[in-house]
Amino acid sequence: MSATVEAIFIGERKGESMHRVPAIEVRAGQGIETDRYFREQHEDPAREITLIEAEAIEALNNEVGIPFDPSESRRNLLTRGVGLNDLVGCEFSVGGVRLRGIRLCHPCAHLQKLTRPGVLKGLVNRGGLRAQIVTSGAIHEGDAVVVD
């Protein structure tokens, strides 16, 4: 099974709900154009783009019994077929863009406050990945995720 981008989410303003878009433009060292975290230059490259596994959302829904939409994760890319925890310290491609896994994106109390009780516990060790954008370009729903 090949790994893919199943959905893309952005939030244009801090605190607002994330909404799904078919594609994004990303800029190395800056982040996702039109996203709330887009900057002229990021001091922390781990804030440029975030990913979460569709399988983690499904596990949360099934194992913990919490109805949770992928957009509620507040992550930018919903992937399927790739173990994101294994990508810390690794470069990989999403479509024609190169990313570098920086650190795990652990669930926090703020995420649970924005959603519902149980989310924090349900996403432990599967909250996603914070990544740096190494090369600029476009990412589309359906793009392949390729680990070298």
Protein backbone atom coordinates (compact mmCIF):
# COMPACT_ATOMS: atom_id res chain seq x y z
CA MET A 1 0.00 0.00 0.00
CA SER A 2 1.37 3.40 -0.89
CA ALA A 3 1.34 6.32 1.53
CA THR A 4 -0.71 9.37 0.56
CA VAL A 5 -2.05 12.73 1.68
CA GLU A 6 -5.71 12.08 2.39
CA ALA A 7 -6.70 15.63 3.36
CA ILE A 8 -5.20 19.10 3.92
CA PHE A 9 -6.30 21.57 6.60
CA ILE A 10 -5.39 25.17 7.34
CA GLY A 11 -6.51 27.80 9.81
CA GLU A 12 -6.13 31.35 8.60
CA ARG A 13 -6.40 32.94 12.05
CA LYS A 14 -5.29 31.80 15.48
CA GLY A 15 -8.05 30.03 17.36
CA GLU A 16 -10.40 29.56 14.40
CA SER A 17 -11.50 26.15 13.18
CA MET A 18 -9.34 24.44 10.60
CA HIS A 19 -10.91 24.02 7.17
CA ARG A 20 -10.16 21.59 4.39
CA VAL A 21 -8.52 22.74 1.18
CA PRO A 22 -7.57 20.72 -1.93
CA ALA A 23 -4.01 22.06 -2.12
CA ILE A 24 -1.51 24.34 -0.39
CA GLU A 25 1.60 26.27 -1.36
CA VAL A 26 4.46 25.84 1.09
CA ARG A 27 7.61 27.94 1.44
CA ALA A 28 10.87 26.65 2.88
CA GLY A 29 11.63 28.40 6.16
CA GLN A 30 8.24 30.16 6.21
CA GLY A 31 5.41 27.63 6.35
CA ILE A 32 2.10 27.30 4.52
CA GLU A 33 0.86 30.33 2.61
CA THR A 34 -2.43 31.65 4.09
CA ASP A 35 -1.98 29.59 7.30
CA ARG A 36 -1.88 31.29 10.69
CA TYR A 37 1.73 30.16 11.26
CA PHE A 38 3.14 31.52 7.98
CA ARG A 39 6.10 33.79 8.78
CA GLU A 40 8.80 35.71 6.93
CA GLN A 41 11.28 33.45 8.73
CA HIS A 42 10.51 30.80 11.33
CA GLU A 43 12.71 30.70 14.41
CA ASP A 44 11.37 27.21 15.10
CA PRO A 45 11.24 25.07 11.92
CA ALA A 46 8.98 22.58 13.73
CA ARG A 47 6.13 25.12 13.40
CA GLU A 48 6.16 25.16 9.59
CA ILE A 49 3.86 22.16 8.91
CA THR A 50 2.25 19.35 10.89
CA LEU A 51 1.05 15.88 9.91
CA ILE A 52 -1.17 13.23 11.51
CA GLU A 53 -2.06 9.70 10.47
CA ALA A 54 -5.64 8.92 9.41
CA GLU A 55 -5.14 5.63 11.25
CA ALA A 56 -4.58 7.56 14.51
CA ILE A 57 -7.88 9.42 14.10
CA GLU A 58 -9.68 6.15 13.32
CA ALA A 59 -8.13 4.51 16.40
CA LEU A 60 -9.25 7.42 18.57
CA ASN A 61 -12.78 7.08 17.22
CA ASN A 62 -12.87 3.28 17.58
CA GLU A 63 -10.85 2.55 20.71
CA VAL A 64 -11.82 5.50 22.86
CA GLY A 65 -15.26 6.00 21.34
CA ILE A 66 -14.81 9.72 20.80
CA PRO A 67 -16.28 11.16 17.59
CA PHE A 68 -13.36 13.20 16.28
CA ASP A 69 -13.09 14.80 12.86
CA PRO A 70 -9.56 14.98 11.36
CA SER A 71 -9.81 18.78 11.14
CA GLU A 72 -10.13 18.89 14.93
CA SER A 73 -6.58 17.54 15.26
CA ARG A 74 -5.34 21.00 14.16
CA ARG A 75 -2.72 19.28 11.97
CA ASN A 76 -2.17 20.34 8.36
CA LEU A 77 -1.74 17.05 6.51
CA LEU A 78 -3.78 13.91 7.12
CA THR A 79 -1.75 10.97 5.83
CA ARG A 80 -2.51 7.31 5.29
CA GLY A 81 -0.07 4.42 5.08
CA VAL A 82 3.01 5.93 6.71
CA GLY A 83 4.25 5.69 10.32
CA LEU A 84 4.93 9.32 11.15
CA ASN A 85 6.62 8.58 14.49
CA ASP A 86 9.43 6.90 12.53
CA LEU A 87 10.15 10.08 10.53
CA VAL A 88 11.69 12.17 13.33
CA GLY A 89 15.10 13.21 12.01
CA CYS A 90 14.35 11.96 8.48
CA GLU A 91 13.77 13.73 5.18
CA PHE A 92 10.85 12.59 3.03
CA SER A 93 8.81 13.82 0.08
CA VAL A 94 5.18 14.84 -0.09
CA GLY A 95 4.35 15.31 -3.75
CA GLY A 96 7.21 17.43 -5.07
CA VAL A 97 8.04 18.98 -1.70
CA ARG A 98 10.79 17.83 0.69
CA LEU A 99 10.07 17.84 4.42
CA ARG A 100 12.20 16.95 7.44
CA GLY A 101 10.60 15.42 10.53
CA ILE A 102 11.63 17.52 13.53
CA ARG A 103 9.74 16.13 16.53
CA LEU A 104 6.55 14.39 17.53
CA CYS A 105 3.48 16.58 17.88
CA HIS A 106 2.15 15.41 21.21
CA PRO A 107 -1.47 16.18 22.05
CA CYS A 108 -1.87 18.97 24.59
CA ALA A 109 -4.44 20.25 27.05
CA HIS A 110 -5.24 23.11 24.65
CA LEU A 111 -6.31 20.62 21.95
CA GLN A 112 -8.56 18.83 24.43
CA LYS A 113 -10.00 22.17 25.59
CA LEU A 114 -10.88 23.03 21.97
CA THR A 115 -12.49 19.62 21.38
CA ARG A 116 -13.67 17.25 24.14
CA PRO A 117 -12.50 15.19 27.13
CA GLY A 118 -10.58 12.04 26.29
CA VAL A 119 -8.79 13.38 23.21
CA LEU A 120 -5.55 13.96 25.10
CA LYS A 121 -5.36 10.39 26.35
CA GLY A 122 -6.59 8.93 23.05
CA LEU A 123 -3.83 10.57 20.99
CA VAL A 124 -0.87 9.74 23.24
CA ASN A 125 2.01 8.50 21.04
CA ARG A 126 -0.04 9.14 17.90
CA GLY A 127 -0.54 12.91 17.89
CA GLY A 128 1.42 13.47 14.69
CA LEU A 129 4.65 14.99 13.48
CA ARG A 130 6.04 18.52 13.35
CA ALA A 131 8.11 19.07 10.23
CA GLN A 132 10.32 21.58 8.51
CA ILE A 133 9.72 22.53 4.88
CA VAL A 134 13.02 21.91 3.08
CA THR A 135 11.89 22.81 -0.46
CA SER A 136 9.07 25.10 -1.55
CA GLY A 137 6.21 23.94 -3.76
CA ALA A 138 2.64 22.70 -3.84
CA ILE A 139 1.06 19.83 -1.92
CA HIS A 140 -2.26 18.36 -3.12
CA GLU A 141 -4.73 15.87 -1.71
CA GLY A 142 -3.77 12.47 -3.10
CA ASP A 143 -0.04 13.26 -3.32
CA ALA A 144 2.31 10.42 -2.46
CA VAL A 145 4.31 10.42 0.75
CA VAL A 146 7.69 8.87 -0.05
CA VAL A 147 10.27 7.97 2.58
CA ASP A 148 13.74 7.57 1.11
